[in-house]
Amino acid sequence: MLVLLVSSQVAYEGFLGDPIGGGVRYSFYYDSLSLAFRGGVGIGGFLSYLNLPVMGDVVLNVPVREEIKVYMGGGVLTGFRFFGGFDAGIGLRVLLGSEFTATDKLGLGFEFAPLVVKSFSGKAHPGVAFGIRAVYYPEGRHEGGENVTLTGTGDEMESAKSTGTDQRGRKDVSRGNGKSIKTRSSESQKGTTSRQPIDEAAADREYKLGLQAYASGDLQKAKLHFQAALRYNPNHEKARMALEKVKRQLGER
C-alpha cells in the first residue's frame, strides 16, 4: 500500500503484504493522540481484489503503552483489476492496526483492513488488505505536538511524559529531597555571582527533577530545574537541550 498522509508532520510509509506499496502522510496531534490523513497507491489483489488500488484514509492513533500504539479508521479506494478479466471499481474499507516504536524515527506494525469493492459492472466484491507496515518520521516522532528529535534528551523527555501519571502520583518531586524548587533556584542564582565548582551529581539530580516536572505538565518548574542543572554544570548538554525544548513550548526564545 502506498500512502500519502497530510498532518503537522510528514511521515513516509511502506507496506508489505496485499497490496505492496509505500508513501507519505501528514498528522495532527492532540496530547498523545494523533489524527492522520493518508492516501496512496499499491500493487496486489490476491485478497484485496483490486490489482492497482488508489486509497485515501483517515486514521486515529491511540497509545496503549510507552512504545506501542493502536490505530483505527476508515477510507475509500478505487482502481483497476487486470487478472481474471479487466475490471474497475470503487469501495470502502475499515482499518485496524498497531505500531511499535523501533527508534525515534522509525515505527513498525501490522495492519488489517476488511473492504468491499463495487465494480463498475454493478457487482460487489468483498476482500481484505493486510500486512506489515513501516513508518519513517524524518523529523522524529511527535509528543504532545512537539517533534521528538533530541538525541537522548528527546527520548528521555518523551519517556518521562509518557509516565506522567506515575510522576503525578508523587506530586511535588522536589520535596523528596528536602528542598523546594524556590530554594534550589535561589541557591543556583547565588552561584551566578560567585563561581562555583562543577557539581555533576547535583546537575544530574536537577535534570532528572526537570524531567519529572515536565512529565507532570509543569513546564515552569521543569524550566527552573533545567536552569539549575546548567548552573551546577554549564556543560550539561542534555539539560541545555531540554531547556531549549521547554522554552519553545512556553513560547520563549
Protein backbone atom coordinates (compact mmCIF):
# COMPACT_ATOMS: atom_id res chain seq x y z
CA MET A 1 0.00 0.00 0.00
CA LEU A 2 1.40 3.38 -0.94
CA VAL A 3 0.18 6.02 1.47
CA LEU A 4 0.20 9.79 1.17
CA LEU A 5 -0.65 11.44 4.51
CA VAL A 6 -1.12 15.09 5.41
CA SER A 7 -0.56 16.47 9.05
CA SER A 8 1.60 18.65 11.31
CA GLN A 9 4.37 16.25 10.45
CA VAL A 10 5.11 14.39 7.26
CA ALA A 11 5.98 10.71 7.54
CA TYR A 12 6.76 8.11 4.88
CA GLU A 13 5.17 4.67 4.87
CA GLY A 14 5.94 1.34 3.30
CA PHE A 15 3.55 -1.63 3.27
CA LEU A 16 4.50 -5.25 2.63
CA GLY A 17 1.53 -7.57 2.16
CA ASP A 18 -1.56 -7.42 0.00
CA PRO A 19 -1.16 -4.88 -1.53
CA ILE A 20 2.50 -3.79 -1.61
CA GLY A 21 3.42 -0.12 -1.76
CA GLY A 22 4.73 2.95 0.05
CA GLY A 23 4.00 6.64 0.52
CA VAL A 24 3.76 9.76 2.70
CA ARG A 25 1.43 11.07 5.45
CA TYR A 26 0.60 14.18 7.48
CA SER A 27 -0.77 14.03 11.08
CA PHE A 28 -2.47 16.36 13.55
CA TYR A 29 -1.59 15.88 17.23
CA TYR A 30 -3.53 16.49 20.43
CA ASP A 31 -1.63 15.43 23.55
CA SER A 32 -0.69 11.79 22.88
CA LEU A 33 -3.40 11.23 20.24
CA SER A 34 -2.90 11.83 16.54
CA LEU A 35 -5.21 12.01 13.55
CA ALA A 36 -3.68 11.23 10.17
CA PHE A 37 -4.94 11.72 6.65
CA ARG A 38 -3.32 9.47 4.12
CA GLY A 39 -3.69 8.43 0.53
CA GLY A 40 -1.73 6.08 -1.65
CA VAL A 41 -1.27 3.52 -4.38
CA GLY A 42 -0.41 -0.16 -4.21
CA ILE A 43 0.04 -3.32 -6.23
CA GLY A 44 -1.70 -6.51 -5.12
CA GLY A 45 -5.13 -8.05 -5.47
CA PHE A 46 -4.63 -11.56 -4.08
CA LEU A 47 -7.26 -10.94 -1.38
CA SER A 48 -7.86 -7.20 -1.78
CA TYR A 49 -9.49 -7.65 -5.22
CA LEU A 50 -8.04 -4.60 -6.98
CA ASN A 51 -4.64 -5.16 -8.56
CA LEU A 52 -3.81 -1.45 -8.76
CA PRO A 53 -5.68 0.34 -5.94
CA VAL A 54 -5.60 4.01 -5.06
CA MET A 55 -6.54 4.66 -1.42
CA GLY A 56 -7.42 7.53 0.88
CA ASP A 57 -7.75 7.01 4.65
CA VAL A 58 -8.40 8.79 7.93
CA VAL A 59 -6.67 7.14 10.90
CA LEU A 60 -6.82 7.81 14.66
CA ASN A 61 -3.75 6.69 16.63
CA VAL A 62 -4.13 5.86 20.34
CA PRO A 63 -1.14 4.96 22.58
CA VAL A 64 -1.64 1.91 24.79
CA ARG A 65 1.90 1.67 26.20
CA GLU A 66 5.04 3.78 26.05
CA GLU A 67 6.32 2.18 22.85
CA ILE A 68 3.09 0.82 21.35
CA LYS A 69 0.02 2.45 19.85
CA VAL A 70 -3.03 1.09 18.08
CA TYR A 71 -4.94 2.82 15.35
CA MET A 72 -8.33 2.57 13.73
CA GLY A 73 -10.01 4.36 10.89
CA GLY A 74 -11.63 4.07 7.52
CA GLY A 75 -11.12 5.01 3.94
CA VAL A 76 -12.11 4.77 0.32
CA LEU A 77 -10.35 3.05 -2.55
CA THR A 78 -10.63 2.79 -6.26
CA GLY A 79 -8.58 1.24 -9.03
CA PHE A 80 -8.30 -1.49 -11.60
CA ARG A 81 -8.24 -5.27 -11.76
CA PHE A 82 -6.37 -6.96 -14.60
CA PHE A 83 -6.27 -10.66 -13.65
CA GLY A 84 -9.32 -12.76 -14.44
CA GLY A 85 -10.65 -10.12 -16.79
CA PHE A 86 -10.36 -6.35 -16.78
CA ASP A 87 -12.48 -4.57 -14.18
CA ALA A 88 -12.56 -1.33 -12.22
CA GLY A 89 -14.46 -0.21 -9.16
CA ILE A 90 -14.75 1.87 -6.02
CA GLY A 91 -15.14 0.73 -2.42
CA LEU A 92 -14.85 1.29 1.32
CA ARG A 93 -12.56 -0.23 3.92
CA VAL A 94 -12.11 -0.30 7.71
CA LEU A 95 -8.61 -0.03 9.19
CA LEU A 96 -7.26 -1.73 12.31
CA GLY A 97 -3.60 -1.86 13.21
CA SER A 98 -0.75 -1.34 15.64
CA GLU A 99 2.61 0.40 15.59
CA PHE A 100 5.71 -0.36 17.65
CA THR A 101 8.37 2.31 18.11
CA ALA A 102 11.63 0.87 16.84
CA THR A 103 13.61 4.14 17.06
CA ASP A 104 12.74 7.82 17.48
CA LYS A 105 12.29 7.98 13.69
CA LEU A 106 11.02 4.51 12.76
CA GLY A 107 7.80 2.69 13.61
CA LEU A 108 6.88 -0.90 12.66
CA GLY A 109 3.48 -2.53 12.86
CA PHE A 110 0.73 -4.65 11.39
CA GLU A 111 -2.42 -3.54 9.56
CA PHE A 112 -5.67 -5.38 8.79
CA ALA A 113 -8.35 -3.79 6.61
CA PRO A 114 -11.62 -5.53 5.60
CA LEU A 115 -13.04 -3.94 2.46
CA VAL A 116 -15.73 -4.18 -0.18
CA VAL A 117 -15.39 -3.02 -3.77
CA LYS A 118 -18.31 -2.39 -6.08
CA SER A 119 -17.24 -2.83 -9.67
CA PHE A 120 -18.47 -0.54 -12.39
CA SER A 121 -20.38 -3.54 -13.75
CA GLY A 122 -22.52 -3.44 -10.59
CA LYS A 123 -21.15 -6.42 -8.61
CA ALA A 124 -19.89 -6.15 -5.02
CA HIS A 125 -16.60 -7.89 -4.21
CA PRO A 126 -15.54 -8.33 -0.54
CA GLY A 127 -11.86 -8.52 0.27
CA VAL A 128 -9.19 -7.76 2.83
CA ALA A 129 -5.87 -5.92 2.86
CA PHE A 130 -3.25 -6.88 5.45
CA GLY A 131 0.47 -6.83 6.01
CA ILE A 132 3.45 -5.29 7.78
CA ARG A 133 3.73 -1.52 7.86
CA ALA A 134 6.85 0.62 8.35
CA VAL A 135 6.70 4.37 9.05
CA TYR A 136 9.67 6.73 8.79
CA TYR A 137 9.48 10.12 10.57
CA PRO A 138 12.19 12.41 9.07
CA GLU A 139 11.81 14.98 11.86
CA GLY A 140 11.36 12.45 14.65
CA ARG A 141 8.14 11.34 16.32
CA HIS A 142 5.80 13.93 17.82
CA GLU A 143 4.99 14.05 21.52
CA GLY A 144 2.21 16.37 22.57
CA GLY A 145 2.56 18.34 19.33
CA GLU A 146 6.35 18.67 19.57
CA ASN A 147 8.92 16.86 17.48
CA VAL A 148 10.92 14.32 19.45
CA THR A 149 14.27 14.86 17.75
CA LEU A 150 16.70 15.46 20.60
CA THR A 151 19.22 12.65 20.77
CA GLY A 152 18.97 11.12 24.21
CA THR A 153 17.15 14.12 25.68
CA GLY A 154 14.12 13.79 23.40
CA ASP A 155 13.71 10.12 24.24
CA GLU A 156 14.11 10.77 27.95
CA MET A 157 11.61 13.64 27.92
CA GLU A 158 9.18 11.54 25.91
CA SER A 159 9.61 8.65 28.32
CA ALA A 160 9.10 10.95 31.29
CA LYS A 161 5.98 12.45 29.75
CA SER A 162 4.52 9.05 28.89
CA THR A 163 4.87 8.02 32.54
CA GLY A 164 3.47 11.31 33.77
CA THR A 165 0.61 9.62 35.65
CA ASP A 166 3.10 7.83 37.87
CA GLN A 167 5.05 11.01 38.41
CA ARG A 168 1.91 13.00 39.24
CA GLY A 169 1.18 10.47 41.97
CA ARG A 170 4.22 11.84 43.76
CA LYS A 171 3.02 15.44 43.27
CA ASP A 172 5.93 17.63 44.42
CA VAL A 173 9.08 15.75 43.48
CA SER A 174 11.32 18.41 44.99
CA ARG A 175 10.04 17.78 48.50
CA GLY A 176 11.54 14.30 48.48
CA ASN A 177 14.97 15.92 48.55
CA GLY A 178 14.01 18.28 51.38
CA LYS A 179 14.25 21.40 49.24
CA SER A 180 11.64 23.37 47.35
CA ILE A 181 12.14 24.49 43.80
CA LYS A 182 12.38 28.08 45.01
CA THR A 183 15.20 27.17 47.38
CA ARG A 184 17.09 25.39 44.62
CA SER A 185 16.58 28.31 42.26
CA SER A 186 17.79 30.76 44.90
CA GLU A 187 20.88 28.67 45.57
CA SER A 188 21.60 28.45 41.88
CA GLN A 189 21.22 32.19 41.39
CA LYS A 190 23.81 32.77 44.10
CA GLY A 191 26.16 30.63 42.08
CA THR A 192 26.00 33.13 39.25
CA THR A 193 27.55 35.88 41.37
CA SER A 194 30.35 33.70 42.74
CA ARG A 195 31.70 30.97 40.53
CA GLN A 196 31.18 27.54 42.00
CA PRO A 197 32.91 24.30 41.04
CA ILE A 198 31.08 21.94 38.72
CA ASP A 199 28.85 19.52 40.61
CA GLU A 200 27.88 16.81 38.14
CA ALA A 201 25.82 14.84 40.66
CA ALA A 202 23.72 17.89 41.54
CA ALA A 203 23.33 18.75 37.86
CA ASP A 204 22.09 15.24 37.06
CA ARG A 205 19.70 15.39 40.00
CA GLU A 206 18.24 18.70 38.83
CA TYR A 207 17.98 17.38 35.28
CA LYS A 208 16.00 14.33 36.45
CA LEU A 209 13.74 16.54 38.56
CA GLY A 210 13.17 18.63 35.46
CA LEU A 211 12.11 15.54 33.54
CA GLN A 212 9.66 14.66 36.31
CA ALA A 213 8.21 18.17 36.32
CA TYR A 214 7.92 18.01 32.53
CA ALA A 215 6.08 14.69 32.84
CA SER A 216 3.55 16.24 35.24
CA GLY A 217 2.94 19.10 32.79
CA ASP A 218 4.56 21.81 34.94
CA LEU A 219 6.76 23.45 32.31
CA GLN A 220 7.76 26.40 34.51
CA LYS A 221 9.07 24.08 37.23
CA ALA A 222 10.84 21.97 34.60
CA LYS A 223 12.45 25.12 33.23
CA LEU A 224 13.78 26.09 36.68
CA HIS A 225 15.20 22.61 37.27
CA PHE A 226 16.97 22.56 33.89
CA GLN A 227 18.37 26.04 34.55
CA ALA A 228 19.60 24.86 37.95
CA ALA A 229 21.26 21.85 36.33
CA LEU A 230 23.16 24.17 33.99
CA ARG A 231 24.29 26.32 36.88
CA TYR A 232 25.71 23.26 38.63
CA ASN A 233 27.27 22.14 35.35
CA PRO A 234 27.26 24.57 32.40
CA ASN A 235 28.44 21.71 30.16
CA HIS A 236 25.35 19.51 30.82
CA GLU A 237 24.27 19.07 27.20
CA LYS A 238 21.04 17.18 27.95
CA ALA A 239 19.86 19.90 30.34
CA ARG A 240 20.65 22.57 27.77
CA MET A 241 18.70 20.81 25.02
CA ALA A 242 15.81 20.08 27.39
CA LEU A 243 15.70 23.73 28.46
CA GLU A 244 15.53 24.83 24.82
CA LYS A 245 12.66 22.42 24.20
CA VAL A 246 10.70 23.66 27.23
CA LYS A 247 11.28 27.30 26.26
CA ARG A 248 9.88 26.60 22.80
CA GLN A 249 6.77 25.07 24.36
CA LEU A 250 6.41 28.12 26.62
CA GLY A 251 6.76 30.42 23.64
CA GLU A 252 10.10 31.81 24.83
CA ARG A 253 13.26 32.25 22.85
